[in-house]
PDB file of N, CA and C in Angstrom:
ATOM      1  N   MET A   1      49.184 -18.051   5.686  1.00  0.00           N
ATOM      2  CA  MET A   1      49.786 -18.255   4.343  1.00  0.00           C
ATOM      3  C   MET A   1      48.456 -18.771   3.065  1.00  0.00           C
ATOM      4  N   THR A   2      48.594 -17.313   2.622  1.00  0.00           N
ATOM      5  CA  THR A   2      47.840 -17.402   0.799  1.00  0.00           C
ATOM      6  C   THR A   2      48.930 -17.366  -0.643  1.00  0.00           C
ATOM      7  N   PHE A   3      48.338 -18.180  -0.644  1.00  0.00           N
ATOM      8  CA  PHE A   3      48.984 -18.217  -1.932  1.00  0.00           C
ATOM      9  C   PHE A   3      48.371 -17.496  -3.514  1.00  0.00           C
ATOM     10  N   LEU A   4      48.494 -17.265  -4.575  1.00  0.00           N
ATOM     11  CA  LEU A   4      48.017 -16.240  -5.283  1.00  0.00           C
ATOM     12  C   LEU A   4      48.230 -17.601  -6.320  1.00  0.00           C
ATOM     13  N   ALA A   5      47.112 -18.375  -6.688  1.00  0.00           N
ATOM     14  CA  ALA A   5      46.794 -19.198  -8.096  1.00  0.00           C
ATOM     15  C   ALA A   5      45.912 -18.796  -9.384  1.00  0.00           C
ATOM     16  N   SER A   6      45.607 -19.762  -9.730  1.00  0.00           N
ATOM     17  CA  SER A   6      44.591 -20.189 -10.440  1.00  0.00           C
ATOM     18  C   SER A   6      43.468 -20.741 -10.484  1.00  0.00           C
ATOM     19  N   VAL A   7      42.769 -20.326 -11.002  1.00  0.00           N
ATOM     20  CA  VAL A   7      40.973 -21.132 -10.916  1.00  0.00           C
ATOM     21  C   VAL A   7      40.242 -20.906 -11.933  1.00  0.00           C
ATOM     22  N   ALA A   8      39.010 -21.873 -12.814  1.00  0.00           N
ATOM     23  CA  ALA A   8      38.324 -22.171 -13.381  1.00  0.00           C
ATOM     24  C   ALA A   8      37.815 -21.022 -13.323  1.00  0.00           C
ATOM     25  N   LEU A   9      36.825 -20.247 -14.478  1.00  0.00           N
ATOM     26  CA  LEU A   9      35.675 -19.610 -14.510  1.00  0.00           C
ATOM     27  C   LEU A   9      34.343 -20.745 -14.304  1.00  0.00           C
ATOM     28  N   ALA A  10      33.171 -20.148 -14.065  1.00  0.00           N
ATOM     29  CA  ALA A  10      32.394 -20.878 -14.122  1.00  0.00           C
ATOM     30  C   ALA A  10      32.059 -21.806 -14.827  1.00  0.00           C
ATOM     31  N   ASP A  11      31.879 -21.487 -15.926  1.00  0.00           N
ATOM     32  CA  ASP A  11      31.748 -22.652 -16.919  1.00  0.00           C
ATOM     33  C   ASP A  11      32.880 -23.405 -17.268  1.00  0.00           C
ATOM     34  N   ASP A  12      34.493 -23.332 -16.640  1.00  0.00           N
ATOM     35  CA  ASP A  12      34.979 -23.861 -16.333  1.00  0.00           C
ATOM     36  C   ASP A  12      35.433 -24.988 -15.302  1.00  0.00           C
ATOM     37  N   SER A  13      33.923 -24.867 -14.818  1.00  0.00           N
ATOM     38  CA  SER A  13      34.281 -25.575 -13.570  1.00  0.00           C
ATOM     39  C   SER A  13      34.618 -27.321 -13.576  1.00  0.00           C
ATOM     40  N   GLU A  14      33.573 -27.175 -14.347  1.00  0.00           N
ATOM     41  CA  GLU A  14      32.985 -28.961 -14.568  1.00  0.00           C
ATOM     42  C   GLU A  14      34.468 -29.554 -15.085  1.00  0.00           C
ATOM     43  N   MET A  15      35.338 -28.830 -16.128  1.00  0.00           N
ATOM     44  CA  MET A  15      36.357 -29.239 -16.857  1.00  0.00           C
ATOM     45  C   MET A  15      37.810 -29.708 -16.007  1.00  0.00           C
ATOM     46  N   SER A  16      37.634 -28.116 -14.432  1.00  0.00           N
ATOM     47  CA  SER A  16      38.200 -28.458 -13.915  1.00  0.00           C
ATOM     48  C   SER A  16      38.628 -29.583 -12.823  1.00  0.00           C
ATOM     49  N   ASP A  17      37.145 -29.609 -12.503  1.00  0.00           N
ATOM     50  CA  ASP A  17      36.798 -30.842 -11.597  1.00  0.00           C
ATOM     51  C   ASP A  17      37.003 -32.378 -11.956  1.00  0.00           C
ATOM     52  N   PHE A  18      36.922 -32.550 -13.720  1.00  0.00           N
ATOM     53  CA  PHE A  18      37.010 -33.700 -14.625  1.00  0.00           C
ATOM     54  C   PHE A  18      38.768 -34.197 -14.022  1.00  0.00           C
ATOM     55  N   VAL A  19      39.348 -32.761 -14.258  1.00  0.00           N
ATOM     56  CA  VAL A  19      40.752 -33.295 -14.686  1.00  0.00           C
ATOM     57  C   VAL A  19      41.497 -33.246 -13.414  1.00  0.00           C
ATOM     58  N   GLY A  20      40.666 -33.102 -12.575  1.00  0.00           N
ATOM     59  CA  GLY A  20      41.448 -32.665 -11.132  1.00  0.00           C
ATOM     60  C   GLY A  20      41.092 -33.958 -10.072  1.00  0.00           C
ATOM     61  N   GLY A  21      40.154 -34.252 -10.458  1.00  0.00           N
ATOM     62  CA  GLY A  21      38.838 -34.835  -9.267  1.00  0.00           C
ATOM     63  C   GLY A  21      39.123 -36.355  -9.841  1.00  0.00           C
ATOM     64  N   VAL A  22      38.435 -36.343 -11.236  1.00  0.00           N
ATOM     65  CA  VAL A  22      38.061 -37.474 -11.929  1.00  0.00           C
ATOM     66  C   VAL A  22      39.145 -38.554 -12.881  1.00  0.00           C
ATOM     67  N   TYR A  23      39.790 -37.620 -13.351  1.00  0.00           N
ATOM     68  CA  TYR A  23      40.902 -38.222 -14.321  1.00  0.00           C
ATOM     69  C   TYR A  23      42.180 -38.576 -13.909  1.00  0.00           C
ATOM     70  N   ARG A  24      42.032 -37.946 -12.805  1.00  0.00           N
ATOM     71  CA  ARG A  24      43.503 -38.301 -11.441  1.00  0.00           C
ATOM     72  C   ARG A  24      44.876 -38.791 -12.213  1.00  0.00           C
ATOM     73  N   GLN A  25      45.503 -37.633 -12.733  1.00  0.00           N
ATOM     74  CA  GLN A  25      46.650 -37.801 -13.365  1.00  0.00           C
ATOM     75  C   GLN A  25      47.926 -36.643 -12.744  1.00  0.00           C
ATOM     76  N   SER A  26      48.613 -37.124 -12.166  1.00  0.00           N
ATOM     77  CA  SER A  26      49.362 -36.183 -11.168  1.00  0.00           C
ATOM     78  C   SER A  26      50.059 -35.028 -11.443  1.00  0.00           C
ATOM     79  N   GLY A  27      50.263 -33.843 -11.874  1.00  0.00           N
ATOM     80  CA  GLY A  27      50.786 -32.930 -12.788  1.00  0.00           C
ATOM     81  C   GLY A  27      50.024 -31.522 -12.610  1.00  0.00           C
ATOM     82  N   CYS A  28      50.249 -30.871 -14.241  1.00  0.00           N
ATOM     83  CA  CYS A  28      49.726 -29.791 -14.401  1.00  0.00           C
ATOM     84  C   CYS A  28      48.396 -30.299 -15.599  1.00  0.00           C
ATOM     85  N   ALA A  29      47.445 -29.135 -14.863  1.00  0.00           N
ATOM     86  CA  ALA A  29      46.295 -29.317 -16.226  1.00  0.00           C
ATOM     87  C   ALA A  29      46.508 -27.767 -16.979  1.00  0.00           C
ATOM     88  N   VAL A  30      45.867 -27.162 -17.864  1.00  0.00           N
ATOM     89  CA  VAL A  30      45.683 -26.388 -18.398  1.00  0.00           C
ATOM     90  C   VAL A  30      44.026 -26.526 -18.775  1.00  0.00           C
ATOM     91  N   VAL A  31      43.148 -25.539 -18.653  1.00  0.00           N
ATOM     92  CA  VAL A  31      41.427 -25.933 -18.831  1.00  0.00           C
ATOM     93  C   VAL A  31      41.815 -24.691 -19.624  1.00  0.00           C
ATOM     94  N   LEU A  32      41.681 -24.757 -21.270  1.00  0.00           N
ATOM     95  CA  LEU A  32      41.424 -24.272 -22.214  1.00  0.00           C
ATOM     96  C   LEU A  32      40.218 -23.520 -22.172  1.00  0.00           C
ATOM     97  N   ASP A  33      39.515 -24.199 -22.599  1.00  0.00           N
ATOM     98  CA  ASP A  33      38.238 -23.623 -22.164  1.00  0.00           C
ATOM     99  C   ASP A  33      36.765 -24.819 -21.529  1.00  0.00           C
ATOM    100  N   LYS A  34      35.434 -24.717 -21.457  1.00  0.00           N
ATOM    101  CA  LYS A  34      34.595 -25.076 -20.682  1.00  0.00           C
ATOM    102  C   LYS A  34      34.987 -26.899 -21.532  1.00  0.00           C
ATOM    103  N   ASP A  35      35.236 -27.014 -22.725  1.00  0.00           N
ATOM    104  CA  ASP A  35      35.500 -28.100 -23.350  1.00  0.00           C
ATOM    105  C   ASP A  35      36.203 -28.682 -23.941  1.00  0.00           C
ATOM    106  N   THR A  36      37.904 -28.082 -23.409  1.00  0.00           N
ATOM    107  CA  THR A  36      39.232 -28.561 -24.210  1.00  0.00           C
ATOM    108  C   THR A  36      39.946 -28.684 -22.739  1.00  0.00           C
ATOM    109  N   ALA A  37      40.878 -29.263 -22.139  1.00  0.00           N
ATOM    110  CA  ALA A  37      42.155 -29.205 -21.284  1.00  0.00           C
ATOM    111  C   ALA A  37      43.015 -30.047 -22.022  1.00  0.00           C
ATOM    112  N   ILE A  38      44.659 -29.650 -21.283  1.00  0.00           N
ATOM    113  CA  ILE A  38      45.349 -30.768 -21.769  1.00  0.00           C
ATOM    114  C   ILE A  38      46.188 -30.392 -20.241  1.00  0.00           C
ATOM    115  N   VAL A  39      46.209 -32.009 -20.070  1.00  0.00           N
ATOM    116  CA  VAL A  39      47.182 -32.120 -18.924  1.00  0.00           C
ATOM    117  C   VAL A  39      47.973 -33.003 -19.135  1.00  0.00           C
ATOM    118  N   ASN A  40      48.964 -32.397 -18.703  1.00  0.00           N
ATOM    119  CA  ASN A  40      50.505 -33.448 -19.062  1.00  0.00           C
ATOM    120  C   ASN A  40      50.688 -33.783 -20.527  1.00  0.00           C
ATOM    121  N   GLY A  41      50.499 -32.502 -21.357  1.00  0.00           N
ATOM    122  CA  GLY A  41      50.866 -32.650 -22.819  1.00  0.00           C
ATOM    123  C   GLY A  41      49.846 -33.418 -23.082  1.00  0.00           C
ATOM    124  N   LYS A  42      48.327 -33.964 -22.833  1.00  0.00           N
ATOM    125  CA  LYS A  42      47.661 -34.905 -23.649  1.00  0.00           C
ATOM    126  C   LYS A  42      46.650 -34.322 -23.306  1.00  0.00           C
ATOM    127  N   LEU A  43      46.128 -34.460 -24.279  1.00  0.00           N
ATOM    128  CA  LEU A  43      44.321 -33.362 -25.103  1.00  0.00           C
ATOM    129  C   LEU A  43      43.249 -34.421 -24.346  1.00  0.00           C
ATOM    130  N   ILE A  44      42.099 -33.338 -23.722  1.00  0.00           N
ATOM    131  CA  ILE A  44      41.091 -34.157 -23.062  1.00  0.00           C
ATOM    132  C   ILE A  44      39.881 -33.292 -24.018  1.00  0.00           C
ATOM    133  N   THR A  45      38.909 -33.439 -24.399  1.00  0.00           N
ATOM    134  CA  THR A  45      37.642 -32.917 -24.569  1.00  0.00           C
ATOM    135  C   THR A  45      36.273 -33.683 -24.446  1.00  0.00           C
ATOM    136  N   ARG A  46      35.332 -32.952 -24.292  1.00  0.00           N
ATOM    137  CA  ARG A  46      34.165 -32.894 -23.797  1.00  0.00           C
ATOM    138  C   ARG A  46      33.045 -32.184 -24.622  1.00  0.00           C
ATOM    139  N   ASP A  47      32.123 -33.508 -24.537  1.00  0.00           N
ATOM    140  CA  ASP A  47      31.000 -32.727 -25.717  1.00  0.00           C
ATOM    141  C   ASP A  47      29.934 -33.445 -25.143  1.00  0.00           C
ATOM    142  N   ARG A  48      29.106 -32.118 -23.932  1.00  0.00           N
ATOM    143  CA  ARG A  48      28.216 -32.647 -23.234  1.00  0.00           C
ATOM    144  C   ARG A  48      28.679 -33.370 -22.060  1.00  0.00           C
ATOM    145  N   ASP A  49      27.913 -34.425 -21.191  1.00  0.00           N
ATOM    146  CA  ASP A  49      28.571 -35.228 -20.606  1.00  0.00           C
ATOM    147  C   ASP A  49      29.204 -35.954 -20.714  1.00  0.00           C
ATOM    148  N   LEU A  50      29.873 -36.158 -22.117  1.00  0.00           N
ATOM    149  CA  LEU A  50      30.539 -37.085 -22.382  1.00  0.00           C
ATOM    150  C   LEU A  50      32.610 -36.662 -22.339  1.00  0.00           C
ATOM    151  N   PHE A  51      33.355 -36.808 -22.059  1.00  0.00           N
ATOM    152  CA  PHE A  51      34.774 -36.451 -21.832  1.00  0.00           C
ATOM    153  C   PHE A  51      35.360 -37.688 -22.386  1.00  0.00           C
ATOM    154  N   ALA A  52      36.241 -37.385 -23.314  1.00  0.00           N
ATOM    155  CA  ALA A  52      37.307 -38.472 -24.000  1.00  0.00           C
ATOM    156  C   ALA A  52      38.571 -38.167 -23.310  1.00  0.00           C
ATOM    157  N   THR A  53      39.145 -39.012 -23.319  1.00  0.00           N
ATOM    158  CA  THR A  53      40.675 -38.568 -22.495  1.00  0.00           C
ATOM    159  C   THR A  53      41.698 -39.723 -22.961  1.00  0.00           C
ATOM    160  N   PRO A  54      43.381 -39.564 -22.872  1.00  0.00           N
ATOM    161  CA  PRO A  54      43.885 -41.045 -23.355  1.00  0.00           C
ATOM    162  C   PRO A  54      43.489 -41.843 -22.802  1.00  0.00           C
ATOM    163  N   LYS A  55      43.210 -42.218 -21.540  1.00  0.00           N
ATOM    164  CA  LYS A  55      42.238 -43.964 -20.935  1.00  0.00           C
ATOM    165  C   LYS A  55      41.178 -44.872 -21.571  1.00  0.00           C
ATOM    166  N   GLY A  56      40.207 -43.493 -21.873  1.00  0.00           N
ATOM    167  CA  GLY A  56      39.116 -43.485 -22.609  1.00  0.00           C
ATOM    168  C   GLY A  56      38.146 -42.698 -22.276  1.00  0.00           C
ATOM    169  N   VAL A  57      37.093 -43.008 -23.007  1.00  0.00           N
ATOM    170  CA  VAL A  57      35.893 -41.879 -22.552  1.00  0.00           C
ATOM    171  C   VAL A  57      34.787 -42.338 -20.973  1.00  0.00           C
ATOM    172  N   TYR A  58      34.943 -41.105 -20.257  1.00  0.00           N
ATOM    173  CA  TYR A  58      33.756 -40.517 -18.953  1.00  0.00           C
ATOM    174  C   TYR A  58      32.721 -40.267 -19.559  1.00  0.00           C
ATOM    175  N   VAL A  59      31.492 -40.649 -18.372  1.00  0.00           N
ATOM    176  CA  VAL A  59      30.194 -39.860 -18.896  1.00  0.00           C
ATOM    177  C   VAL A  59      30.055 -39.525 -17.666  1.00  0.00           C
ATOM    178  N   ASN A  60      29.275 -38.282 -17.717  1.00  0.00           N
ATOM    179  CA  ASN A  60      29.143 -37.483 -16.672  1.00  0.00           C
ATOM    180  C   ASN A  60      27.526 -38.072 -15.868  1.00  0.00           C
ATOM    181  N   ASP A  61      27.094 -37.981 -14.930  1.00  0.00           N
ATOM    182  CA  ASP A  61      25.590 -38.310 -14.945  1.00  0.00           C
ATOM    183  C   ASP A  61      24.984 -37.954 -13.529  1.00  0.00           C
ATOM    184  N   LYS A  62      25.280 -36.179 -13.122  1.00  0.00           N
ATOM    185  CA  LYS A  62      24.953 -35.728 -12.388  1.00  0.00           C
ATOM    186  C   LYS A  62      25.649 -35.680 -10.761  1.00  0.00           C
ATOM    187  N   GLY A  63      26.982 -35.662 -11.633  1.00  0.00           N
ATOM    188  CA  GLY A  63      28.258 -35.598 -10.593  1.00  0.00           C
ATOM    189  C   GLY A  63      28.979 -37.346 -10.160  1.00  0.00           C
ATOM    190  N   ASN A  64      28.371 -38.122 -10.754  1.00  0.00           N
ATOM    191  CA  ASN A  64      28.979 -39.333 -10.752  1.00  0.00           C
ATOM    192  C   ASN A  64      29.374 -39.663 -12.488  1.00  0.00           C
ATOM    193  N   TYR A  65      30.159 -39.793 -12.347  1.00  0.00           N
ATOM    194  CA  TYR A  65      31.356 -39.938 -13.442  1.00  0.00           C
ATOM    195  C   TYR A  65      31.705 -41.702 -13.671  1.00  0.00           C
ATOM    196  N   SER A  66      31.471 -41.766 -14.537  1.00  0.00           N
ATOM    197  CA  SER A  66      31.844 -43.819 -15.343  1.00  0.00           C
ATOM    198  C   SER A  66      32.546 -43.911 -16.136  1.00  0.00           C
ATOM    199  N   GLY A  67      33.830 -44.466 -15.953  1.00  0.00           N
ATOM    200  CA  GLY A  67      34.723 -44.335 -17.241  1.00  0.00           C
ATOM    201  C   GLY A  67      35.811 -46.127 -17.114  1.00  0.00           C
ATOM    202  N   PRO A  68      36.701 -46.241 -17.702  1.00  0.00           N
ATOM    203  CA  PRO A  68      37.447 -47.016 -17.667  1.00  0.00           C
ATOM    204  C   PRO A  68      38.458 -47.418 -16.106  1.00  0.00           C
ATOM    205  N   THR A  69      38.396 -46.381 -15.370  1.00  0.00           N
ATOM    206  CA  THR A  69      38.981 -46.898 -13.887  1.00  0.00           C
ATOM    207  C   THR A  69      38.103 -46.879 -13.361  1.00  0.00           C
ATOM    208  N   GLY A  70      36.576 -47.080 -13.961  1.00  0.00           N
ATOM    209  CA  GLY A  70      35.225 -47.371 -12.563  1.00  0.00           C
ATOM    210  C   GLY A  70      34.857 -46.124 -12.309  1.00  0.00           C
ATOM    211  N   VAL A  71      33.934 -45.782 -10.958  1.00  0.00           N
ATOM    212  CA  VAL A  71      32.943 -44.784 -10.839  1.00  0.00           C
ATOM    213  C   VAL A  71      33.316 -43.830  -9.764  1.00  0.00           C
ATOM    214  N   VAL A  72      33.397 -42.697 -10.219  1.00  0.00           N
ATOM    215  CA  VAL A  72      33.652 -41.697  -8.982  1.00  0.00           C
ATOM    216  C   VAL A  72      32.815 -41.052  -8.989  1.00  0.00           C
ATOM    217  N   VAL A  73      32.841 -40.380  -7.511  1.00  0.00           N
ATOM    218  CA  VAL A  73      31.498 -39.742  -7.386  1.00  0.00           C
ATOM    219  C   VAL A  73      31.569 -38.614  -6.451  1.00  0.00           C
ATOM    220  N   LYS A  74      31.199 -37.483  -7.273  1.00  0.00           N
ATOM    221  CA  LYS A  74      32.047 -36.136  -6.762  1.00  0.00           C
ATOM    222  C   LYS A  74      30.359 -35.598  -5.946  1.00  0.00           C
ATOM    223  N   ASP A  75      30.853 -35.069  -4.420  1.00  0.00           N
ATOM    224  CA  ASP A  75      30.124 -34.502  -3.645  1.00  0.00           C
ATOM    225  C   ASP A  75      30.761 -32.953  -2.695  1.00  0.00           C
ATOM    226  N   ARG A  76      30.504 -32.041  -3.734  1.00  0.00           N
ATOM    227  CA  ARG A  76      31.342 -30.618  -3.826  1.00  0.00           C
ATOM    228  C   ARG A  76      32.893 -30.350  -4.277  1.00  0.00           C
ATOM    229  N   ASP A  77      33.304 -31.100  -3.147  1.00  0.00           N
ATOM    230  CA  ASP A  77      35.215 -30.798  -3.483  1.00  0.00           C
ATOM    231  C   ASP A  77      35.466 -32.153  -2.994  1.00  0.00           C
ATOM    232  N   ILE A  78      34.899 -33.335  -2.731  1.00  0.00           N
ATOM    233  CA  ILE A  78      34.949 -34.246  -2.766  1.00  0.00           C
ATOM    234  C   ILE A  78      35.130 -35.301  -4.590  1.00  0.00           C
ATOM    235  N   PHE A  79      35.961 -35.858  -3.897  1.00  0.00           N
ATOM    236  CA  PHE A  79      35.766 -36.659  -5.580  1.00  0.00           C
ATOM    237  C   PHE A  79      36.304 -38.581  -4.743  1.00  0.00           C
ATOM    238  N   ASP A  80      35.209 -39.366  -4.405  1.00  0.00           N
ATOM    239  CA  ASP A  80      35.276 -40.822  -4.574  1.00  0.00           C
ATOM    240  C   ASP A  80      35.585 -41.553  -5.090  1.00  0.00           C
ATOM    241  N   GLY A  81      36.234 -42.314  -5.420  1.00  0.00           N
ATOM    242  CA  GLY A  81      36.064 -43.783  -6.517  1.00  0.00           C
ATOM    243  C   GLY A  81      37.038 -44.745  -5.916  1.00  0.00           C
ATOM    244  N   LYS A  82      36.638 -45.988  -6.481  1.00  0.00           N
ATOM    245  CA  LYS A  82      37.653 -47.290  -6.425  1.00  0.00           C
ATOM    246  C   LYS A  82      39.323 -46.797  -6.509  1.00  0.00           C
ATOM    247  N   GLY A  83      39.530 -46.020  -7.143  1.00  0.00           N
ATOM    248  CA  GLY A  83      41.084 -45.243  -6.861  1.00  0.00           C
ATOM    249  C   GLY A  83      41.662 -44.812  -5.543  1.00  0.00           C
ATOM    250  N   GLY A  84      40.390 -44.232  -4.709  1.00  0.00           N
ATOM    251  CA  GLY A  84      40.618 -43.511  -3.757  1.00  0.00           C
ATOM    252  C   GLY A  84      39.481 -41.938  -3.743  1.00  0.00           C
ATOM    253  N   THR A  85      40.416 -41.689  -2.752  1.00  0.00           N
ATOM    254  CA  THR A  85      39.419 -39.965  -2.390  1.00  0.00           C
ATOM    255  C   THR A  85      40.342 -39.135  -3.013  1.00  0.00           C
ATOM    256  N   VAL A  86      40.338 -37.967  -3.093  1.00  0.00           N
ATOM    257  CA  VAL A  86      40.745 -37.146  -3.920  1.00  0.00           C
ATOM    258  C   VAL A  86      39.693 -35.732  -3.637  1.00  0.00           C
ATOM    259  N   MET A  87      40.408 -34.477  -3.142  1.00  0.00           N
ATOM    260  CA  MET A  87      39.912 -33.708  -2.479  1.00  0.00           C
ATOM    261  C   MET A  87      40.569 -32.358  -2.950  1.00  0.00           C
ATOM    262  N   GLY A  88      39.788 -31.888  -3.922  1.00  0.00           N
ATOM    263  CA  GLY A  88      39.744 -29.981  -4.029  1.00  0.00           C
ATOM    264  C   GLY A  88      39.881 -29.013  -3.847  1.00  0.00           C
ATOM    265  N   ASN A  89      40.616 -28.079  -3.506  1.00  0.00           N
ATOM    266  CA  ASN A  89      40.873 -26.784  -3.066  1.00  0.00           C
ATOM    267  C   ASN A  89      41.515 -25.703  -3.824  1.00  0.00           C
ATOM    268  N   GLY A  90      40.378 -24.921  -4.186  1.00  0.00           N
ATOM    269  CA  GLY A  90      40.778 -24.591  -5.315  1.00  0.00           C
ATOM    270  C   GLY A  90      41.205 -24.861  -6.768  1.00  0.00           C
ATOM    271  N   SER A  91      42.120 -24.803  -7.218  1.00  0.00           N
ATOM    272  CA  SER A  91      43.026 -25.197  -8.546  1.00  0.00           C
ATOM    273  C   SER A  91      43.697 -26.565  -7.979  1.00  0.00           C
ATOM    274  N   PHE A  92      43.920 -26.774  -6.779  1.00  0.00           N
ATOM    275  CA  PHE A  92      44.787 -27.905  -6.056  1.00  0.00           C
ATOM    276  C   PHE A  92      43.869 -29.146  -5.958  1.00  0.00           C
ATOM    277  N   TYR A  93      44.255 -30.273  -6.670  1.00  0.00           N
ATOM    278  CA  TYR A  93      43.186 -31.408  -6.269  1.00  0.00           C
ATOM    279  C   TYR A  93      44.469 -32.551  -5.641  1.00  0.00           C
ATOM    280  N   SER A  94      44.183 -32.875  -4.638  1.00  0.00           N
ATOM    281  CA  SER A  94      45.469 -34.157  -3.946  1.00  0.00           C
ATOM    282  C   SER A  94      44.510 -35.802  -3.217  1.00  0.00           C
ATOM    283  N   GLY A  95      45.047 -36.347  -3.374  1.00  0.00           N
ATOM    284  CA  GLY A  95      44.955 -37.411  -2.457  1.00  0.00           C
ATOM    285  C   GLY A  95      45.110 -38.434  -3.003  1.00  0.00           C
ATOM    286  N   SER A  96      45.031 -39.864  -2.455  1.00  0.00           N
ATOM    287  CA  SER A  96      45.229 -41.143  -2.998  1.00  0.00           C
ATOM    288  C   SER A  96      46.700 -40.738  -4.146  1.00  0.00           C
ATOM    289  N   GLY A  97      47.563 -40.821  -3.694  1.00  0.00           N
ATOM    290  CA  GLY A  97      48.833 -40.587  -4.612  1.00  0.00           C
ATOM    291  C   GLY A  97      48.682 -39.714  -6.070  1.00  0.00           C
ATOM    292  N   VAL A  98      47.639 -38.745  -5.604  1.00  0.00           N
ATOM    293  CA  VAL A  98      47.519 -37.750  -7.420  1.00  0.00           C
ATOM    294  C   VAL A  98      47.794 -36.626  -6.101  1.00  0.00           C
ATOM    295  N   GLN A  99      48.509 -35.553  -7.245  1.00  0.00           N
ATOM    296  CA  GLN A  99      48.524 -34.133  -7.353  1.00  0.00           C
ATOM    297  C   GLN A  99      48.287 -33.426  -8.094  1.00  0.00           C
ATOM    298  N   THR A 100      47.004 -32.888  -8.580  1.00  0.00           N
ATOM    299  CA  THR A 100      46.924 -31.907 -10.070  1.00  0.00           C
ATOM    300  C   THR A 100      47.209 -30.266  -9.618  1.00  0.00           C
ATOM    301  N   PHE A 101      47.580 -29.896  -9.949  1.00  0.00           N
ATOM    302  CA  PHE A 101      47.643 -28.087 -10.115  1.00  0.00           C
ATOM    303  C   PHE A 101      46.880 -28.180 -11.563  1.00  0.00           C
ATOM    304  N   VAL A 102      45.819 -27.372 -11.562  1.00  0.00           N
ATOM    305  CA  VAL A 102      44.810 -27.127 -12.550  1.00  0.00           C
ATOM    306  C   VAL A 102      44.950 -25.662 -13.040  1.00  0.00           C
ATOM    307  N   ILE A 103      45.184 -24.915 -13.957  1.00  0.00           N
ATOM    308  CA  ILE A 103      45.598 -24.103 -14.210  1.00  0.00           C
ATOM    309  C   ILE A 103      44.492 -22.868 -15.789  1.00  0.00           C
ATOM    310  N   SER A 104      44.089 -22.146 -15.032  1.00  0.00           N
ATOM    311  CA  SER A 104      42.701 -21.441 -15.832  1.00  0.00           C
ATOM    312  C   SER A 104      42.781 -20.000 -16.072  1.00  0.00           C
ATOM    313  N   LYS A 105      41.761 -19.763 -15.953  1.00  0.00           N
ATOM    314  CA  LYS A 105      41.679 -18.363 -16.607  1.00  0.00           C
ATOM    315  C   LYS A 105      41.392 -17.285 -15.121  1.00  0.00           C
ATOM    316  N   ASN A 106      41.491 -17.311 -14.144  1.00  0.00           N
ATOM    317  CA  ASN A 106      41.183 -16.198 -13.128  1.00  0.00           C
ATOM    318  C   ASN A 106      41.860 -16.741 -12.047  1.00  0.00           C
ATOM    319  N   PRO A 107      42.664 -15.779 -11.904  1.00  0.00           N
ATOM    320  CA  PRO A 107      43.665 -15.698 -10.590  1.00  0.00           C
ATOM    321  C   PRO A 107      42.462 -15.638  -9.281  1.00  0.00           C
ATOM    322  N   VAL A 108      42.980 -16.240  -8.057  1.00  0.00           N
ATOM    323  CA  VAL A 108      41.883 -16.246  -6.875  1.00  0.00           C
ATOM    324  C   VAL A 108      43.108 -16.880  -5.993  1.00  0.00           C
ATOM    325  N   VAL A 109      42.873 -16.107  -5.062  1.00  0.00           N
ATOM    326  CA  VAL A 109      43.562 -16.562  -3.396  1.00  0.00           C
ATOM    327  C   VAL A 109      43.326 -18.079  -2.893  1.00  0.00           C
ATOM    328  N   LEU A 110      44.115 -18.706  -2.783  1.00  0.00           N
ATOM    329  CA  LEU A 110      43.635 -20.485  -2.105  1.00  0.00           C
ATOM    330  C   LEU A 110      43.294 -20.084  -0.230  1.00  0.00           C
ATOM    331  N   ARG A 111      42.839 -21.029   0.087  1.00  0.00           N
ATOM    332  CA  ARG A 111      42.652 -20.711   1.421  1.00  0.00           C
ATOM    333  C   ARG A 111      43.116 -22.028   2.007  1.00  0.00           C
ATOM    334  N   LYS A 112      44.370 -21.628   3.511  1.00  0.00           N
ATOM    335  CA  LYS A 112      45.120 -22.744   3.929  1.00  0.00           C
ATOM    336  C   LYS A 112      44.162 -23.720   4.522  1.00  0.00           C
ATOM    337  N   PRO A 113      45.104 -25.085   3.793  1.00  0.00           N
ATOM    338  CA  PRO A 113      43.992 -26.129   4.759  1.00  0.00           C
ATOM    339  C   PRO A 113      44.469 -26.419   6.557  1.00  0.00           C
TER     340      PRO A 113
END
């Protein structure tokens, strides 16, 4: 079984990973471009390695994100931090009580887990 979904362009992948694996807000995220996303109606912006969110500012240092909710370490599609582990699969991020679907520009077929 496969599903048609959306996944970010290469330039948007960091924002998609951030809203899905680091920010950890269940629901729907819309990535507008590499520096802007909306998660459940709330704006997230990026300036280089800084992400401004309603929860506060996060900093990305080579896949280690630190912010008001602690440190989240990214390893490929796995995001591990104080709040637990989240795994990304295409546009769907799930784990530790969080499920986020990220909508962006390019359609892609998700693989079945």
